[in-house]
Amino acid sequence: NVDESQSLNPGINSYALKTLLFDRYLSGTYSRRRSLIAQAGVRIRMYDVMKDYCLEFEKISLAEIEAYEREISGNFAYGLRAAFDSMVRIDKTTFVNRDLITFDIDATDRAIALYAKNCICPIADIPSFTSFPYVEGYSWNVFLLDSFCAHYSKKYRSIGGPAQKGIIGAIYPAEMKISSYSDLLAQVAS
């Protein structure tokens, strides 16, 4: 029992004690990568752990995602991407399960076309969402638009996000087949 061992050994660093306990009792059957423990030979990626964690919730905040990842890995490197890839970002700090939101995809694509047309359009350059269709329970903003393009749009994609504090990147027609943010920047510069 880790908690019991910690109370019996208050002078030993918590991480060192956990390492000692793993090496002594689990290392024959399990492997460890940082704080992730798995059956020997099974590789677990932190991204997958974070994605599975996010999908346990209907709604989760960026702060909760960050706290969980820091608790198990000591840093915050995969949680934001995992949440963005598996959920819908409805504002700067909140993600919801995809089952909780319904878009009128064709109407939304028509609204995007007012700004993006057949070219690359910075997401931050969309000044208003009055032409976008109603989404029950949610208000349009650049974060919701970025998620829509990433997961639902038939005609547009977004690239560059997700950013932790603001929104970066652009929307572009799906047929452009842009593979990276560098590729997007090269297209804009040419």
C-alpha atoms as a PDB file:
ATOM      1  CA  ASN A   1       0.000   0.000   0.000  1.00  0.00           C
ATOM      2  CA  VAL A   2       1.640   3.224  -1.197  1.00  0.00           C
ATOM      3  CA  ASP A   3      -0.162   5.507   1.279  1.00  0.00           C
ATOM      4  CA  GLU A   4       0.739   3.254   4.196  1.00  0.00           C
ATOM      5  CA  SER A   5       4.369   3.073   3.043  1.00  0.00           C
ATOM      6  CA  GLN A   6       4.502   6.866   2.804  1.00  0.00           C
ATOM      7  CA  SER A   7       3.162   7.275   6.344  1.00  0.00           C
ATOM      8  CA  LEU A   8       5.757   4.776   7.634  1.00  0.00           C
ATOM      9  CA  ASN A   9       8.580   6.550   5.760  1.00  0.00           C
ATOM     10  CA  PRO A  10       7.880  10.304   6.022  1.00  0.00           C
ATOM     11  CA  GLY A  11      11.511  11.244   5.316  1.00  0.00           C
ATOM     12  CA  ILE A  12      11.582   9.585   1.893  1.00  0.00           C
ATOM     13  CA  ASN A  13      10.603  11.549  -1.185  1.00  0.00           C
ATOM     14  CA  SER A  14       7.211  10.394  -2.507  1.00  0.00           C
ATOM     15  CA  TYR A  15       8.496   9.804  -6.053  1.00  0.00           C
ATOM     16  CA  ALA A  16      11.530   7.866  -4.789  1.00  0.00           C
ATOM     17  CA  LEU A  17       9.298   5.692  -2.608  1.00  0.00           C
ATOM     18  CA  LYS A  18       6.948   4.917  -5.504  1.00  0.00           C
ATOM     19  CA  THR A  19       9.945   4.023  -7.677  1.00  0.00           C
ATOM     20  CA  LEU A  20      11.294   1.724  -4.968  1.00  0.00           C
ATOM     21  CA  LEU A  21       7.928   0.009  -4.500  1.00  0.00           C
ATOM     22  CA  PHE A  22       7.520  -0.479  -8.241  1.00  0.00           C
ATOM     23  CA  ASP A  23      11.038  -1.874  -8.641  1.00  0.00           C
ATOM     24  CA  ARG A  24      10.619  -4.245  -5.721  1.00  0.00           C
ATOM     25  CA  TYR A  25       7.080  -5.539  -6.243  1.00  0.00           C
ATOM     26  CA  LEU A  26       5.898  -4.878  -9.799  1.00  0.00           C
ATOM     27  CA  SER A  27       8.853  -4.683 -12.171  1.00  0.00           C
ATOM     28  CA  GLY A  28       8.788  -8.406 -12.967  1.00  0.00           C
ATOM     29  CA  THR A  29       5.291  -8.254 -14.453  1.00  0.00           C
ATOM     30  CA  TYR A  30       4.826  -4.600 -15.398  1.00  0.00           C
ATOM     31  CA  SER A  31       6.750  -1.872 -17.191  1.00  0.00           C
ATOM     32  CA  ARG A  32       6.780   1.800 -16.243  1.00  0.00           C
ATOM     33  CA  ARG A  33       7.137   4.931 -18.325  1.00  0.00           C
ATOM     34  CA  ARG A  34       7.136   7.891 -15.955  1.00  0.00           C
ATOM     35  CA  SER A  35       3.875   7.471 -14.010  1.00  0.00           C
ATOM     36  CA  LEU A  36       2.236   5.090 -16.470  1.00  0.00           C
ATOM     37  CA  ILE A  37       2.307   1.450 -15.453  1.00  0.00           C
ATOM     38  CA  ALA A  38       1.249  -1.290 -17.879  1.00  0.00           C
ATOM     39  CA  GLN A  39       1.659  -5.001 -18.453  1.00  0.00           C
ATOM     40  CA  ALA A  40       5.221  -5.757 -19.571  1.00  0.00           C
ATOM     41  CA  GLY A  41       5.482  -5.288 -23.331  1.00  0.00           C
ATOM     42  CA  VAL A  42       2.358  -3.123 -23.586  1.00  0.00           C
ATOM     43  CA  ARG A  43       3.069   0.462 -24.555  1.00  0.00           C
ATOM     44  CA  ILE A  44       0.725   3.166 -23.299  1.00  0.00           C
ATOM     45  CA  ARG A  45       0.920   6.674 -24.708  1.00  0.00           C
ATOM     46  CA  MET A  46       0.114   9.657 -22.505  1.00  0.00           C
ATOM     47  CA  TYR A  47      -2.001  11.087 -25.352  1.00  0.00           C
ATOM     48  CA  ASP A  48      -4.232   7.971 -25.248  1.00  0.00           C
ATOM     49  CA  VAL A  49      -4.531   8.139 -21.460  1.00  0.00           C
ATOM     50  CA  MET A  50      -5.631  11.765 -21.689  1.00  0.00           C
ATOM     51  CA  LYS A  51      -8.074  11.073 -24.524  1.00  0.00           C
ATOM     52  CA  ASP A  52      -9.693   8.234 -22.549  1.00  0.00           C
ATOM     53  CA  TYR A  53      -9.866  10.471 -19.475  1.00  0.00           C
ATOM     54  CA  CYS A  54     -11.605  13.274 -21.387  1.00  0.00           C
ATOM     55  CA  LEU A  55     -14.141  10.889 -22.891  1.00  0.00           C
ATOM     56  CA  GLU A  56     -15.280   9.865 -19.395  1.00  0.00           C
ATOM     57  CA  PHE A  57     -16.984  13.268 -19.091  1.00  0.00           C
ATOM     58  CA  GLU A  58     -19.883  15.013 -20.756  1.00  0.00           C
ATOM     59  CA  LYS A  59     -18.259  18.352 -19.959  1.00  0.00           C
ATOM     60  CA  ILE A  60     -14.754  19.105 -18.711  1.00  0.00           C
ATOM     61  CA  SER A  61     -12.671  22.217 -18.166  1.00  0.00           C
ATOM     62  CA  LEU A  62      -9.168  22.852 -19.417  1.00  0.00           C
ATOM     63  CA  ALA A  63      -8.093  23.288 -15.780  1.00  0.00           C
ATOM     64  CA  GLU A  64      -9.387  19.805 -14.890  1.00  0.00           C
ATOM     65  CA  ILE A  65      -7.589  18.290 -17.868  1.00  0.00           C
ATOM     66  CA  GLU A  66      -4.349  20.027 -16.953  1.00  0.00           C
ATOM     67  CA  ALA A  67      -4.604  19.043 -13.262  1.00  0.00           C
ATOM     68  CA  TYR A  68      -5.126  15.383 -14.113  1.00  0.00           C
ATOM     69  CA  GLU A  69      -2.233  15.236 -16.561  1.00  0.00           C
ATOM     70  CA  ARG A  70       0.098  17.036 -14.149  1.00  0.00           C
ATOM     71  CA  GLU A  71      -0.943  14.619 -11.402  1.00  0.00           C
ATOM     72  CA  ILE A  72       0.007  11.544 -13.394  1.00  0.00           C
ATOM     73  CA  SER A  73       2.899  12.812 -15.521  1.00  0.00           C
ATOM     74  CA  GLY A  74       4.221  15.950 -13.883  1.00  0.00           C
ATOM     75  CA  ASN A  75       3.617  18.159 -16.920  1.00  0.00           C
ATOM     76  CA  PHE A  76       0.949  19.335 -19.350  1.00  0.00           C
ATOM     77  CA  ALA A  77       1.852  18.249 -22.868  1.00  0.00           C
ATOM     78  CA  TYR A  78      -0.921  16.039 -24.309  1.00  0.00           C
ATOM     79  CA  GLY A  79      -4.201  16.894 -22.580  1.00  0.00           C
ATOM     80  CA  LEU A  80      -5.211  19.891 -24.669  1.00  0.00           C
ATOM     81  CA  ARG A  81      -4.642  18.078 -27.981  1.00  0.00           C
ATOM     82  CA  ALA A  82      -6.390  14.938 -26.699  1.00  0.00           C
ATOM     83  CA  ALA A  83      -9.423  16.961 -25.584  1.00  0.00           C
ATOM     84  CA  PHE A  84      -9.550  18.907 -28.855  1.00  0.00           C
ATOM     85  CA  ASP A  85      -9.294  15.719 -30.937  1.00  0.00           C
ATOM     86  CA  SER A  86     -11.999  13.838 -29.046  1.00  0.00           C
ATOM     87  CA  MET A  87     -14.438  16.527 -27.880  1.00  0.00           C
ATOM     88  CA  VAL A  88     -15.914  19.872 -28.956  1.00  0.00           C
ATOM     89  CA  ARG A  89     -14.336  22.985 -27.536  1.00  0.00           C
ATOM     90  CA  ILE A  90     -17.206  25.352 -26.787  1.00  0.00           C
ATOM     91  CA  ASP A  91     -15.166  28.240 -25.376  1.00  0.00           C
ATOM     92  CA  LYS A  92     -11.690  29.099 -24.125  1.00  0.00           C
ATOM     93  CA  THR A  93     -11.859  26.784 -21.107  1.00  0.00           C
ATOM     94  CA  THR A  94     -14.553  24.155 -21.750  1.00  0.00           C
ATOM     95  CA  PHE A  95     -14.938  20.977 -23.794  1.00  0.00           C
ATOM     96  CA  VAL A  96     -18.104  18.899 -24.216  1.00  0.00           C
ATOM     97  CA  ASN A  97     -18.762  15.400 -25.462  1.00  0.00           C
ATOM     98  CA  ARG A  98     -19.636  15.332 -29.163  1.00  0.00           C
ATOM     99  CA  ASP A  99     -22.970  13.663 -28.378  1.00  0.00           C
ATOM    100  CA  LEU A 100     -24.156  16.809 -26.564  1.00  0.00           C
ATOM    101  CA  ILE A 101     -24.028  19.151 -29.543  1.00  0.00           C
ATOM    102  CA  THR A 102     -25.781  19.157 -32.888  1.00  0.00           C
ATOM    103  CA  PHE A 103     -24.820  21.339 -35.835  1.00  0.00           C
ATOM    104  CA  ASP A 104     -26.651  22.218 -39.018  1.00  0.00           C
ATOM    105  CA  ILE A 105     -23.565  21.314 -41.030  1.00  0.00           C
ATOM    106  CA  ASP A 106     -24.684  22.628 -44.417  1.00  0.00           C
ATOM    107  CA  ALA A 107     -25.894  25.955 -43.020  1.00  0.00           C
ATOM    108  CA  THR A 108     -22.704  26.369 -41.009  1.00  0.00           C
ATOM    109  CA  ASP A 109     -20.574  25.624 -44.077  1.00  0.00           C
ATOM    110  CA  ARG A 110     -22.529  28.294 -45.974  1.00  0.00           C
ATOM    111  CA  ALA A 111     -21.842  30.794 -43.170  1.00  0.00           C
ATOM    112  CA  ILE A 112     -18.117  29.969 -43.242  1.00  0.00           C
ATOM    113  CA  ALA A 113     -18.124  30.494 -47.012  1.00  0.00           C
ATOM    114  CA  LEU A 114     -19.045  34.147 -46.422  1.00  0.00           C
ATOM    115  CA  TYR A 115     -15.563  34.599 -44.921  1.00  0.00           C
ATOM    116  CA  ALA A 116     -13.341  31.820 -46.246  1.00  0.00           C
ATOM    117  CA  LYS A 117     -14.731  31.513 -49.779  1.00  0.00           C
ATOM    118  CA  ASN A 118     -12.078  29.533 -51.672  1.00  0.00           C
ATOM    119  CA  CYS A 119      -9.058  30.765 -49.788  1.00  0.00           C
ATOM    120  CA  ILE A 120      -7.319  30.568 -46.428  1.00  0.00           C
ATOM    121  CA  CYS A 121      -8.983  32.696 -43.744  1.00  0.00           C
ATOM    122  CA  PRO A 122      -7.443  33.310 -40.301  1.00  0.00           C
ATOM    123  CA  ILE A 123      -9.960  32.174 -37.688  1.00  0.00           C
ATOM    124  CA  ALA A 124      -9.395  35.349 -35.685  1.00  0.00           C
ATOM    125  CA  ASP A 125     -10.468  37.410 -38.736  1.00  0.00           C
ATOM    126  CA  ILE A 126     -14.094  36.284 -38.479  1.00  0.00           C
ATOM    127  CA  PRO A 127     -15.587  39.372 -36.834  1.00  0.00           C
ATOM    128  CA  SER A 128     -19.141  38.175 -36.233  1.00  0.00           C
ATOM    129  CA  PHE A 129     -21.177  35.015 -35.937  1.00  0.00           C
ATOM    130  CA  THR A 130     -24.592  36.527 -36.703  1.00  0.00           C
ATOM    131  CA  SER A 131     -24.779  34.634 -40.005  1.00  0.00           C
ATOM    132  CA  PHE A 132     -24.130  31.290 -38.306  1.00  0.00           C
ATOM    133  CA  PRO A 133     -27.089  28.992 -37.540  1.00  0.00           C
ATOM    134  CA  TYR A 134     -28.424  28.540 -34.040  1.00  0.00           C
ATOM    135  CA  VAL A 135     -26.804  25.738 -32.020  1.00  0.00           C
ATOM    136  CA  GLU A 136     -29.055  24.732 -29.145  1.00  0.00           C
ATOM    137  CA  GLY A 137     -27.435  25.455 -25.813  1.00  0.00           C
ATOM    138  CA  TYR A 138     -24.234  26.989 -27.222  1.00  0.00           C
ATOM    139  CA  SER A 139     -23.048  30.325 -28.585  1.00  0.00           C
ATOM    140  CA  TRP A 140     -20.806  30.636 -31.591  1.00  0.00           C
ATOM    141  CA  ASN A 141     -17.241  31.791 -30.967  1.00  0.00           C
ATOM    142  CA  VAL A 142     -13.835  31.111 -32.532  1.00  0.00           C
ATOM    143  CA  PHE A 143     -13.272  28.031 -30.331  1.00  0.00           C
ATOM    144  CA  LEU A 144     -16.559  26.416 -31.352  1.00  0.00           C
ATOM    145  CA  LEU A 145     -15.867  27.308 -34.984  1.00  0.00           C
ATOM    146  CA  ASP A 146     -12.400  25.706 -34.810  1.00  0.00           C
ATOM    147  CA  SER A 147     -13.916  22.498 -33.397  1.00  0.00           C
ATOM    148  CA  PHE A 148     -16.682  22.515 -36.003  1.00  0.00           C
ATOM    149  CA  CYS A 149     -14.146  22.720 -38.838  1.00  0.00           C
ATOM    150  CA  ALA A 150     -11.961  20.048 -37.289  1.00  0.00           C
ATOM    151  CA  HIS A 151     -14.758  17.521 -36.683  1.00  0.00           C
ATOM    152  CA  TYR A 152     -17.910  18.249 -38.682  1.00  0.00           C
ATOM    153  CA  SER A 153     -17.518  20.476 -41.712  1.00  0.00           C
ATOM    154  CA  LYS A 154     -17.929  18.915 -45.144  1.00  0.00           C
ATOM    155  CA  LYS A 155     -16.253  21.807 -46.964  1.00  0.00           C
ATOM    156  CA  TYR A 156     -13.698  23.349 -44.583  1.00  0.00           C
ATOM    157  CA  ARG A 157     -10.877  22.376 -42.264  1.00  0.00           C
ATOM    158  CA  SER A 158      -8.939  24.275 -39.634  1.00  0.00           C
ATOM    159  CA  ILE A 159      -5.288  24.039 -38.745  1.00  0.00           C
ATOM    160  CA  GLY A 160      -3.073  25.660 -36.167  1.00  0.00           C
ATOM    161  CA  GLY A 161      -4.992  25.044 -32.969  1.00  0.00           C
ATOM    162  CA  PRO A 162      -5.728  24.276 -30.322  1.00  0.00           C
ATOM    163  CA  ALA A 163      -4.054  27.018 -28.360  1.00  0.00           C
ATOM    164  CA  GLN A 164      -4.285  27.116 -24.590  1.00  0.00           C
ATOM    165  CA  LYS A 165      -4.943  30.833 -24.156  1.00  0.00           C
ATOM    166  CA  GLY A 166      -6.381  32.064 -27.449  1.00  0.00           C
ATOM    167  CA  ILE A 167      -7.096  30.887 -30.946  1.00  0.00           C
ATOM    168  CA  ILE A 168      -4.541  30.520 -33.680  1.00  0.00           C
ATOM    169  CA  GLY A 169      -4.670  29.110 -37.147  1.00  0.00           C
ATOM    170  CA  ALA A 170      -6.921  29.361 -40.132  1.00  0.00           C
ATOM    171  CA  ILE A 171      -9.836  27.858 -41.977  1.00  0.00           C
ATOM    172  CA  TYR A 172      -9.306  26.618 -45.511  1.00  0.00           C
ATOM    173  CA  PRO A 173     -11.292  24.692 -48.126  1.00  0.00           C
ATOM    174  CA  ALA A 174     -11.063  20.920 -47.555  1.00  0.00           C
ATOM    175  CA  GLU A 175      -9.908  20.281 -51.103  1.00  0.00           C
ATOM    176  CA  MET A 176      -6.680  22.236 -50.450  1.00  0.00           C
ATOM    177  CA  LYS A 177      -5.203  19.236 -48.554  1.00  0.00           C
ATOM    178  CA  ILE A 178      -2.928  21.209 -46.245  1.00  0.00           C
ATOM    179  CA  SER A 179      -0.945  18.800 -44.063  1.00  0.00           C
ATOM    180  CA  SER A 180       0.738  21.048 -41.498  1.00  0.00           C
ATOM    181  CA  TYR A 181       0.771  24.559 -40.098  1.00  0.00           C
ATOM    182  CA  SER A 182       4.051  25.169 -41.958  1.00  0.00           C
ATOM    183  CA  ASP A 183       2.362  24.079 -45.178  1.00  0.00           C
ATOM    184  CA  LEU A 184      -0.485  26.504 -44.459  1.00  0.00           C
ATOM    185  CA  LEU A 185       1.973  29.365 -43.904  1.00  0.00           C
ATOM    186  CA  ALA A 186       3.780  28.488 -47.152  1.00  0.00           C
ATOM    187  CA  GLN A 187       0.452  28.577 -49.036  1.00  0.00           C
ATOM    188  CA  VAL A 188      -0.356  31.988 -47.584  1.00  0.00           C
ATOM    189  CA  ALA A 189       3.117  33.356 -48.425  1.00  0.00           C
ATOM    190  CA  SER A 190       3.036  32.194 -52.053  1.00  0.00           C
END
